[in-house]
Amino acid sequence: CSLRLQARADSIVVAVSDADRRPPHERSPDMSNGTGGF
């Protein structure tokens, strides 16, 4: 994967690229088993 960073006067742009076309998908946070979602 790759990380690209760009500094602008009023912002920082973070770009992370990988070989998988699938977008991230949101899931409900797991409050009891600690498996993520946050």
PDB file of all heavy atoms in Angstrom:
ATOM      1  N   CYS A   1       0.869  -1.174   0.000  1.00  0.00           N
ATOM      2  CA  CYS A   1       0.000   0.000   0.000  1.00  0.00           C
ATOM      3  C   CYS A   1       0.909   1.227   0.000  1.00  0.00           C
ATOM      4  O   CYS A   1       2.123   1.103   0.126  1.00  0.00           O
ATOM      5  CB  CYS A   1      -0.952   0.003   1.202  1.00  0.00           C
ATOM      6  SG  CYS A   1      -0.165   0.056   2.818  1.00  0.00           S
ATOM      7  N   SER A   2       0.314   2.376  -0.157  1.00  0.00           N
ATOM      8  CA  SER A   2       1.119   3.590  -0.144  1.00  0.00           C
ATOM      9  C   SER A   2       0.402   4.688   0.618  1.00  0.00           C
ATOM     10  O   SER A   2      -0.823   4.709   0.713  1.00  0.00           O
ATOM     11  CB  SER A   2       1.448   4.059  -1.570  1.00  0.00           C
ATOM     12  OG  SER A   2       0.278   4.468  -2.234  1.00  0.00           O
ATOM     13  N   LEU A   3       1.207   5.587   1.133  1.00  0.00           N
ATOM     14  CA  LEU A   3       0.731   6.766   1.843  1.00  0.00           C
ATOM     15  C   LEU A   3       1.307   7.979   1.141  1.00  0.00           C
ATOM     16  O   LEU A   3       2.505   8.027   0.859  1.00  0.00           O
ATOM     17  CB  LEU A   3       1.225   6.731   3.299  1.00  0.00           C
ATOM     18  CG  LEU A   3       1.090   8.023   4.111  1.00  0.00           C
ATOM     19  CD1 LEU A   3      -0.382   8.372   4.348  1.00  0.00           C
ATOM     20  CD2 LEU A   3       1.846   7.891   5.427  1.00  0.00           C
ATOM     21  N   ARG A   4       0.452   8.926   0.838  1.00  0.00           N
ATOM     22  CA  ARG A   4       0.910  10.209   0.294  1.00  0.00           C
ATOM     23  C   ARG A   4       0.381  11.306   1.201  1.00  0.00           C
ATOM     24  O   ARG A   4      -0.772  11.261   1.631  1.00  0.00           O
ATOM     25  CB  ARG A   4       0.413  10.409  -1.143  1.00  0.00           C
ATOM     26  CG  ARG A   4       1.149   9.527  -2.132  1.00  0.00           C
ATOM     27  CD  ARG A   4       0.765   9.815  -3.579  1.00  0.00           C
ATOM     28  NE  ARG A   4      -0.637  10.055  -3.841  1.00  0.00           N
ATOM     29  CZ  ARG A   4      -1.550   9.105  -4.009  1.00  0.00           C
ATOM     30  NH1 ARG A   4      -1.224   7.834  -3.923  1.00  0.00           N
ATOM     31  NH2 ARG A   4      -2.800   9.424  -4.266  1.00  0.00           N
ATOM     32  N   LEU A   5       1.217  12.264   1.479  1.00  0.00           N
ATOM     33  CA  LEU A   5       0.855  13.394   2.323  1.00  0.00           C
ATOM     34  C   LEU A   5       1.101  14.674   1.550  1.00  0.00           C
ATOM     35  O   LEU A   5       2.091  14.783   0.824  1.00  0.00           O
ATOM     36  CB  LEU A   5       1.708  13.407   3.593  1.00  0.00           C
ATOM     37  CG  LEU A   5       1.575  12.167   4.470  1.00  0.00           C
ATOM     38  CD1 LEU A   5       2.762  12.041   5.405  1.00  0.00           C
ATOM     39  CD2 LEU A   5       0.274  12.220   5.247  1.00  0.00           C
ATOM     40  N   GLN A   6       0.196  15.614   1.702  1.00  0.00           N
ATOM     41  CA  GLN A   6       0.371  16.920   1.084  1.00  0.00           C
ATOM     42  C   GLN A   6       0.008  17.978   2.116  1.00  0.00           C
ATOM     43  O   GLN A   6      -1.050  17.896   2.746  1.00  0.00           O
ATOM     44  CB  GLN A   6      -0.524  17.086  -0.139  1.00  0.00           C
ATOM     45  CG  GLN A   6      -0.382  18.448  -0.785  1.00  0.00           C
ATOM     46  CD  GLN A   6      -1.350  18.669  -1.922  1.00  0.00           C
ATOM     47  OE1 GLN A   6      -2.314  17.943  -2.081  1.00  0.00           O
ATOM     48  NE2 GLN A   6      -1.098  19.692  -2.706  1.00  0.00           N
ATOM     49  N   ALA A   7       0.885  18.941   2.282  1.00  0.00           N
ATOM     50  CA  ALA A   7       0.624  20.064   3.177  1.00  0.00           C
ATOM     51  C   ALA A   7       0.167  21.250   2.355  1.00  0.00           C
ATOM     52  O   ALA A   7       0.804  21.612   1.364  1.00  0.00           O
ATOM     53  CB  ALA A   7       1.879  20.416   3.960  1.00  0.00           C
ATOM     54  N   ARG A   8      -0.935  21.824   2.767  1.00  0.00           N
ATOM     55  CA  ARG A   8      -1.431  23.064   2.189  1.00  0.00           C
ATOM     56  C   ARG A   8      -1.443  24.092   3.311  1.00  0.00           C
ATOM     57  O   ARG A   8      -1.272  23.752   4.477  1.00  0.00           O
ATOM     58  CB  ARG A   8      -2.839  22.860   1.644  1.00  0.00           C
ATOM     59  CG  ARG A   8      -2.901  21.842   0.522  1.00  0.00           C
ATOM     60  CD  ARG A   8      -4.315  21.639   0.066  1.00  0.00           C
ATOM     61  NE  ARG A   8      -4.384  20.643  -1.012  1.00  0.00           N
ATOM     62  CZ  ARG A   8      -5.489  20.061  -1.388  1.00  0.00           C
ATOM     63  NH1 ARG A   8      -6.641  20.340  -0.791  1.00  0.00           N
ATOM     64  NH2 ARG A   8      -5.476  19.184  -2.364  1.00  0.00           N
ATOM     65  N   ALA A   9      -1.677  25.336   2.971  1.00  0.00           N
ATOM     66  CA  ALA A   9      -1.664  26.389   3.985  1.00  0.00           C
ATOM     67  C   ALA A   9      -2.684  26.117   5.090  1.00  0.00           C
ATOM     68  O   ALA A   9      -2.410  26.372   6.264  1.00  0.00           O
ATOM     69  CB  ALA A   9      -1.939  27.740   3.339  1.00  0.00           C
ATOM     70  N   ASP A  10      -3.849  25.584   4.743  1.00  0.00           N
ATOM     71  CA  ASP A  10      -4.914  25.395   5.729  1.00  0.00           C
ATOM     72  C   ASP A  10      -5.304  23.938   5.957  1.00  0.00           C
ATOM     73  O   ASP A  10      -6.275  23.655   6.659  1.00  0.00           O
ATOM     74  CB  ASP A  10      -6.150  26.191   5.325  1.00  0.00           C
ATOM     75  CG  ASP A  10      -6.798  25.660   4.051  1.00  0.00           C
ATOM     76  OD1 ASP A  10      -6.143  24.884   3.308  1.00  0.00           O
ATOM     77  OD2 ASP A  10      -7.962  26.008   3.803  1.00  0.00           O
ATOM     78  N   SER A  11      -4.561  22.997   5.366  1.00  0.00           N
ATOM     79  CA  SER A  11      -4.947  21.593   5.517  1.00  0.00           C
ATOM     80  C   SER A  11      -3.768  20.661   5.260  1.00  0.00           C
ATOM     81  O   SER A  11      -2.763  21.048   4.680  1.00  0.00           O
ATOM     82  CB  SER A  11      -6.098  21.247   4.563  1.00  0.00           C
ATOM     83  OG  SER A  11      -5.705  21.431   3.216  1.00  0.00           O
ATOM     84  N   ILE A  12      -3.960  19.429   5.699  1.00  0.00           N
ATOM     85  CA  ILE A  12      -3.050  18.329   5.381  1.00  0.00           C
ATOM     86  C   ILE A  12      -3.916  17.281   4.680  1.00  0.00           C
ATOM     87  O   ILE A  12      -4.964  16.887   5.196  1.00  0.00           O
ATOM     88  CB  ILE A  12      -2.418  17.698   6.641  1.00  0.00           C
ATOM     89  CG1 ILE A  12      -1.649  18.731   7.469  1.00  0.00           C
ATOM     90  CG2 ILE A  12      -1.556  16.497   6.264  1.00  0.00           C
ATOM     91  CD1 ILE A  12      -0.335  19.170   6.886  1.00  0.00           C
ATOM     92  N   VAL A  13      -3.483  16.843   3.507  1.00  0.00           N
ATOM     93  CA  VAL A  13      -4.209  15.814   2.767  1.00  0.00           C
ATOM     94  C   VAL A  13      -3.472  14.494   2.936  1.00  0.00           C
ATOM     95  O   VAL A  13      -2.272  14.406   2.680  1.00  0.00           O
ATOM     96  CB  VAL A  13      -4.333  16.177   1.270  1.00  0.00           C
ATOM     97  CG1 VAL A  13      -5.093  15.086   0.516  1.00  0.00           C
ATOM     98  CG2 VAL A  13      -5.007  17.534   1.102  1.00  0.00           C
ATOM     99  N   VAL A  14      -4.210  13.495   3.380  1.00  0.00           N
ATOM    100  CA  VAL A  14      -3.701  12.139   3.567  1.00  0.00           C
ATOM    101  C   VAL A  14      -4.335  11.284   2.478  1.00  0.00           C
ATOM    102  O   VAL A  14      -5.554  11.293   2.310  1.00  0.00           O
ATOM    103  CB  VAL A  14      -4.111  11.594   4.956  1.00  0.00           C
ATOM    104  CG1 VAL A  14      -3.732  10.132   5.100  1.00  0.00           C
ATOM    105  CG2 VAL A  14      -3.518  12.436   6.061  1.00  0.00           C
ATOM    106  N   ALA A  15      -3.531  10.528   1.725  1.00  0.00           N
ATOM    107  CA  ALA A  15      -4.045   9.620   0.706  1.00  0.00           C
ATOM    108  C   ALA A  15      -3.419   8.254   0.915  1.00  0.00           C
ATOM    109  O   ALA A  15      -2.193   8.127   0.930  1.00  0.00           O
ATOM    110  CB  ALA A  15      -3.723  10.142  -0.693  1.00  0.00           C
ATOM    111  N   VAL A  16      -4.254   7.247   1.110  1.00  0.00           N
ATOM    112  CA  VAL A  16      -3.785   5.879   1.284  1.00  0.00           C
ATOM    113  C   VAL A  16      -4.347   5.060   0.129  1.00  0.00           C
ATOM    114  O   VAL A  16      -5.559   5.057  -0.109  1.00  0.00           O
ATOM    115  CB  VAL A  16      -4.218   5.288   2.646  1.00  0.00           C
ATOM    116  CG1 VAL A  16      -3.832   3.826   2.753  1.00  0.00           C
ATOM    117  CG2 VAL A  16      -3.583   6.092   3.781  1.00  0.00           C
ATOM    118  N   SER A  17      -3.464   4.387  -0.592  1.00  0.00           N
ATOM    119  CA  SER A  17      -3.847   3.592  -1.753  1.00  0.00           C
ATOM    120  C   SER A  17      -3.517   2.130  -1.518  1.00  0.00           C
ATOM    121  O   SER A  17      -2.530   1.803  -0.860  1.00  0.00           O
ATOM    122  CB  SER A  17      -3.102   4.070  -3.003  1.00  0.00           C
ATOM    123  OG  SER A  17      -3.384   5.420  -3.275  1.00  0.00           O
ATOM    124  N   ASP A  18      -4.350   1.253  -2.096  1.00  0.00           N
ATOM    125  CA  ASP A  18      -4.089  -0.183  -2.058  1.00  0.00           C
ATOM    126  C   ASP A  18      -4.638  -0.811  -3.333  1.00  0.00           C
ATOM    127  O   ASP A  18      -5.246  -0.131  -4.154  1.00  0.00           O
ATOM    128  CB  ASP A  18      -4.683  -0.831  -0.792  1.00  0.00           C
ATOM    129  CG  ASP A  18      -6.183  -0.680  -0.684  1.00  0.00           C
ATOM    130  OD1 ASP A  18      -6.912  -1.070  -1.632  1.00  0.00           O
ATOM    131  OD2 ASP A  18      -6.654  -0.188   0.355  1.00  0.00           O
ATOM    132  N   ALA A  19      -4.420  -2.101  -3.496  1.00  0.00           N
ATOM    133  CA  ALA A  19      -4.784  -2.800  -4.729  1.00  0.00           C
ATOM    134  C   ALA A  19      -6.207  -3.337  -4.735  1.00  0.00           C
ATOM    135  O   ALA A  19      -6.608  -4.005  -5.674  1.00  0.00           O
ATOM    136  CB  ALA A  19      -3.799  -3.954  -4.964  1.00  0.00           C
ATOM    137  N   ASP A  20      -6.976  -3.041  -3.714  1.00  0.00           N
ATOM    138  CA  ASP A  20      -8.334  -3.564  -3.581  1.00  0.00           C
ATOM    139  C   ASP A  20      -9.337  -2.487  -3.979  1.00  0.00           C
ATOM    140  O   ASP A  20      -9.348  -1.405  -3.395  1.00  0.00           O
ATOM    141  CB  ASP A  20      -8.557  -3.993  -2.127  1.00  0.00           C
ATOM    142  CG  ASP A  20      -9.777  -4.853  -1.942  1.00  0.00           C
ATOM    143  OD1 ASP A  20     -10.723  -4.762  -2.751  1.00  0.00           O
ATOM    144  OD2 ASP A  20      -9.788  -5.621  -0.970  1.00  0.00           O
ATOM    145  N   ARG A  21     -10.188  -2.764  -4.949  1.00  0.00           N
ATOM    146  CA  ARG A  21     -11.166  -1.774  -5.422  1.00  0.00           C
ATOM    147  C   ARG A  21     -12.332  -1.590  -4.462  1.00  0.00           C
ATOM    148  O   ARG A  21     -13.050  -0.604  -4.552  1.00  0.00           O
ATOM    149  CB  ARG A  21     -11.692  -2.171  -6.798  1.00  0.00           C
ATOM    150  CG  ARG A  21     -10.591  -2.155  -7.849  1.00  0.00           C
ATOM    151  CD  ARG A  21     -11.151  -2.223  -9.234  1.00  0.00           C
ATOM    152  NE  ARG A  21     -11.876  -0.976  -9.452  1.00  0.00           N
ATOM    153  CZ  ARG A  21     -12.952  -0.862 -10.219  1.00  0.00           C
ATOM    154  NH1 ARG A  21     -13.424  -1.890 -10.863  1.00  0.00           N
ATOM    155  NH2 ARG A  21     -13.553   0.298 -10.353  1.00  0.00           N
ATOM    156  N   ARG A  22     -12.538  -2.541  -3.544  1.00  0.00           N
ATOM    157  CA  ARG A  22     -13.687  -2.444  -2.632  1.00  0.00           C
ATOM    158  C   ARG A  22     -13.538  -1.244  -1.702  1.00  0.00           C
ATOM    159  O   ARG A  22     -12.493  -1.066  -1.081  1.00  0.00           O
ATOM    160  CB  ARG A  22     -13.816  -3.705  -1.781  1.00  0.00           C
ATOM    161  CG  ARG A  22     -14.073  -4.966  -2.567  1.00  0.00           C
ATOM    162  CD  ARG A  22     -14.053  -6.183  -1.669  1.00  0.00           C
ATOM    163  NE  ARG A  22     -12.727  -6.292  -1.036  1.00  0.00           N
ATOM    164  CZ  ARG A  22     -12.464  -7.031   0.029  1.00  0.00           C
ATOM    165  NH1 ARG A  22     -13.406  -7.735   0.607  1.00  0.00           N
ATOM    166  NH2 ARG A  22     -11.252  -7.076   0.529  1.00  0.00           N
ATOM    167  N   PRO A  23     -14.596  -0.431  -1.573  1.00  0.00           N
ATOM    168  CA  PRO A  23     -14.522   0.706  -0.657  1.00  0.00           C
ATOM    169  C   PRO A  23     -14.633   0.240   0.794  1.00  0.00           C
ATOM    170  O   PRO A  23     -15.117  -0.870   1.058  1.00  0.00           O
ATOM    171  CB  PRO A  23     -15.739   1.548  -1.051  1.00  0.00           C
ATOM    172  CG  PRO A  23     -16.705   0.554  -1.596  1.00  0.00           C
ATOM    173  CD  PRO A  23     -15.868  -0.504  -2.279  1.00  0.00           C
ATOM    174  N   PRO A  24     -14.210   1.085   1.723  1.00  0.00           N
ATOM    175  CA  PRO A  24     -14.405   0.738   3.135  1.00  0.00           C
ATOM    176  C   PRO A  24     -15.899   0.603   3.406  1.00  0.00           C
ATOM    177  O   PRO A  24     -16.714   1.260   2.752  1.00  0.00           O
ATOM    178  CB  PRO A  24     -13.846   1.939   3.894  1.00  0.00           C
ATOM    179  CG  PRO A  24     -13.124   2.752   2.903  1.00  0.00           C
ATOM    180  CD  PRO A  24     -13.612   2.388   1.557  1.00  0.00           C
ATOM    181  N   HIS A  25     -16.253  -0.231   4.330  1.00  0.00           N
ATOM    182  CA  HIS A  25     -17.669  -0.308   4.685  1.00  0.00           C
ATOM    183  C   HIS A  25     -17.813  -0.088   6.181  1.00  0.00           C
ATOM    184  O   HIS A  25     -17.003  -0.547   6.974  1.00  0.00           O
ATOM    185  CB  HIS A  25     -18.311  -1.609   4.187  1.00  0.00           C
ATOM    186  CG  HIS A  25     -18.323  -2.739   5.141  1.00  0.00           C
ATOM    187  ND1 HIS A  25     -17.279  -3.605   5.292  1.00  0.00           N
ATOM    188  CD2 HIS A  25     -19.275  -3.144   6.014  1.00  0.00           C
ATOM    189  CE1 HIS A  25     -17.576  -4.511   6.201  1.00  0.00           C
ATOM    190  NE2 HIS A  25     -18.775  -4.245   6.669  1.00  0.00           N
ATOM    191  N   GLU A  26     -18.824   0.687   6.486  1.00  0.00           N
ATOM    192  CA  GLU A  26     -19.068   1.027   7.881  1.00  0.00           C
ATOM    193  C   GLU A  26     -19.824  -0.111   8.550  1.00  0.00           C
ATOM    194  O   GLU A  26     -20.677  -0.743   7.951  1.00  0.00           O
ATOM    195  CB  GLU A  26     -19.884   2.315   7.966  1.00  0.00           C
ATOM    196  CG  GLU A  26     -19.958   2.868   9.348  1.00  0.00           C
ATOM    197  CD  GLU A  26     -20.409   4.308   9.370  1.00  0.00           C
ATOM    198  OE1 GLU A  26     -20.263   5.002   8.348  1.00  0.00           O
ATOM    199  OE2 GLU A  26     -20.894   4.729  10.419  1.00  0.00           O
ATOM    200  N   ARG A  27     -19.456  -0.351   9.782  1.00  0.00           N
ATOM    201  CA  ARG A  27     -20.179  -1.341  10.565  1.00  0.00           C
ATOM    202  C   ARG A  27     -20.400  -0.786  11.955  1.00  0.00           C
ATOM    203  O   ARG A  27     -19.737   0.166  12.372  1.00  0.00           O
ATOM    204  CB  ARG A  27     -19.430  -2.662  10.608  1.00  0.00           C
ATOM    205  CG  ARG A  27     -18.054  -2.599  11.182  1.00  0.00           C
ATOM    206  CD  ARG A  27     -17.305  -3.911  10.937  1.00  0.00           C
ATOM    207  NE  ARG A  27     -15.956  -3.829  11.408  1.00  0.00           N
ATOM    208  CZ  ARG A  27     -15.517  -4.412  12.503  1.00  0.00           C
ATOM    209  NH1 ARG A  27     -16.330  -5.138  13.235  1.00  0.00           N
ATOM    210  NH2 ARG A  27     -14.271  -4.276  12.870  1.00  0.00           N
ATOM    211  N   SER A  28     -21.322  -1.371  12.650  1.00  0.00           N
ATOM    212  CA  SER A  28     -21.612  -0.910  14.008  1.00  0.00           C
ATOM    213  C   SER A  28     -20.418  -1.201  14.905  1.00  0.00           C
ATOM    214  O   SER A  28     -19.855  -2.299  14.860  1.00  0.00           O
ATOM    215  CB  SER A  28     -22.840  -1.631  14.565  1.00  0.00           C
ATOM    216  OG  SER A  28     -23.966  -1.319  13.800  1.00  0.00           O
ATOM    217  N   PRO A  29     -20.037  -0.215  15.719  1.00  0.00           N
ATOM    218  CA  PRO A  29     -18.924  -0.449  16.648  1.00  0.00           C
ATOM    219  C   PRO A  29     -19.245  -1.599  17.609  1.00  0.00           C
ATOM    220  O   PRO A  29     -20.366  -1.726  18.081  1.00  0.00           O
ATOM    221  CB  PRO A  29     -18.802   0.872  17.402  1.00  0.00           C
ATOM    222  CG  PRO A  29     -19.381   1.884  16.473  1.00  0.00           C
ATOM    223  CD  PRO A  29     -20.492   1.169  15.754  1.00  0.00           C
ATOM    224  N   ASP A  30     -18.253  -2.420  17.856  1.00  0.00           N
ATOM    225  CA  ASP A  30     -18.401  -3.555  18.761  1.00  0.00           C
ATOM    226  C   ASP A  30     -17.998  -3.101  20.159  1.00  0.00           C
ATOM    227  O   ASP A  30     -16.817  -2.975  20.460  1.00  0.00           O
ATOM    228  CB  ASP A  30     -17.524  -4.717  18.295  1.00  0.00           C
ATOM    229  CG  ASP A  30     -17.668  -5.947  19.151  1.00  0.00           C
ATOM    230  OD1 ASP A  30     -18.334  -5.882  20.209  1.00  0.00           O
ATOM    231  OD2 ASP A  30     -17.113  -6.986  18.767  1.00  0.00           O
ATOM    232  N   MET A  31     -18.989  -2.871  20.992  1.00  0.00           N
ATOM    233  CA  MET A  31     -18.748  -2.352  22.330  1.00  0.00           C
ATOM    234  C   MET A  31     -18.356  -3.438  23.333  1.00  0.00           C
ATOM    235  O   MET A  31     -17.843  -3.139  24.389  1.00  0.00           O
ATOM    236  CB  MET A  31     -19.999  -1.628  22.852  1.00  0.00           C
ATOM    237  CG  MET A  31     -20.445  -0.506  21.942  1.00  0.00           C
ATOM    238  SD  MET A  31     -19.225   0.785  21.822  1.00  0.00           S
ATOM    239  CE  MET A  31     -19.776   1.833  23.120  1.00  0.00           C
ATOM    240  N   SER A  32     -18.587  -4.707  22.998  1.00  0.00           N
ATOM    241  CA  SER A  32     -18.324  -5.744  23.988  1.00  0.00           C
ATOM    242  C   SER A  32     -17.120  -6.624  23.662  1.00  0.00           C
ATOM    243  O   SER A  32     -16.392  -7.020  24.559  1.00  0.00           O
ATOM    244  CB  SER A  32     -19.564  -6.618  24.183  1.00  0.00           C
ATOM    245  OG  SER A  32     -19.956  -7.179  22.943  1.00  0.00           O
ATOM    246  N   ASN A  33     -16.889  -6.944  22.399  1.00  0.00           N
ATOM    247  CA  ASN A  33     -15.815  -7.875  22.053  1.00  0.00           C
ATOM    248  C   ASN A  33     -14.551  -7.194  21.522  1.00  0.00           C
ATOM    249  O   ASN A  33     -13.566  -7.860  21.244  1.00  0.00           O
ATOM    250  CB  ASN A  33     -16.303  -8.901  21.033  1.00  0.00           C
ATOM    251  CG  ASN A  33     -17.375  -9.787  21.606  1.00  0.00           C
ATOM    252  OD1 ASN A  33     -17.313 -10.168  22.772  1.00  0.00           O
ATOM    253  ND2 ASN A  33     -18.377 -10.098  20.800  1.00  0.00           N
ATOM    254  N   GLY A  34     -14.596  -5.893  21.339  1.00  0.00           N
ATOM    255  CA  GLY A  34     -13.419  -5.158  20.904  1.00  0.00           C
ATOM    256  C   GLY A  34     -12.932  -5.498  19.508  1.00  0.00           C
ATOM    257  O   GLY A  34     -11.732  -5.460  19.254  1.00  0.00           O
ATOM    258  N   THR A  35     -13.858  -5.811  18.597  1.00  0.00           N
ATOM    259  CA  THR A  35     -13.434  -6.173  17.241  1.00  0.00           C
ATOM    260  C   THR A  35     -13.474  -5.000  16.273  1.00  0.00           C
ATOM    261  O   THR A  35     -13.307  -5.178  15.082  1.00  0.00           O
ATOM    262  CB  THR A  35     -14.307  -7.321  16.686  1.00  0.00           C
ATOM    263  OG1 THR A  35     -15.660  -6.895  16.653  1.00  0.00           O
ATOM    264  CG2 THR A  35     -14.143  -8.575  17.527  1.00  0.00           C
ATOM    265  N   GLY A  36     -13.674  -3.809  16.760  1.00  0.00           N
ATOM    266  CA  GLY A  36     -13.557  -2.640  15.898  1.00  0.00           C
ATOM    267  C   GLY A  36     -14.883  -2.013  15.527  1.00  0.00           C
ATOM    268  O   GLY A  36     -15.883  -2.175  16.203  1.00  0.00           O
ATOM    269  N   GLY A  37     -14.851  -1.289  14.411  1.00  0.00           N
ATOM    270  CA  GLY A  37     -16.023  -0.580  13.939  1.00  0.00           C
ATOM    271  C   GLY A  37     -15.998   0.906  14.259  1.00  0.00           C
ATOM    272  O   GLY A  37     -16.905   1.636  13.900  1.00  0.00           O
ATOM    273  N   PHE A  38     -14.941   1.375  14.925  1.00  0.00           N
ATOM    274  CA  PHE A  38     -14.859   2.777  15.331  1.00  0.00           C
ATOM    275  C   PHE A  38     -14.076   3.639  14.336  1.00  0.00           C
ATOM    276  O   PHE A  38     -14.224   4.844  14.305  1.00  0.00           O
ATOM    277  CB  PHE A  38     -14.180   2.901  16.703  1.00  0.00           C
ATOM    278  CG  PHE A  38     -14.942   2.228  17.802  1.00  0.00           C
ATOM    279  CD1 PHE A  38     -14.648   0.924  18.162  1.00  0.00           C
ATOM    280  CD2 PHE A  38     -15.954   2.892  18.460  1.00  0.00           C
ATOM    281  CE1 PHE A  38     -15.347   0.302  19.174  1.00  0.00           C
ATOM    282  CE2 PHE A  38     -16.667   2.277  19.475  1.00  0.00           C
ATOM    283  CZ  PHE A  38     -16.365   0.974  19.833  1.00  0.00           C
TER     284      PHE A  38
END
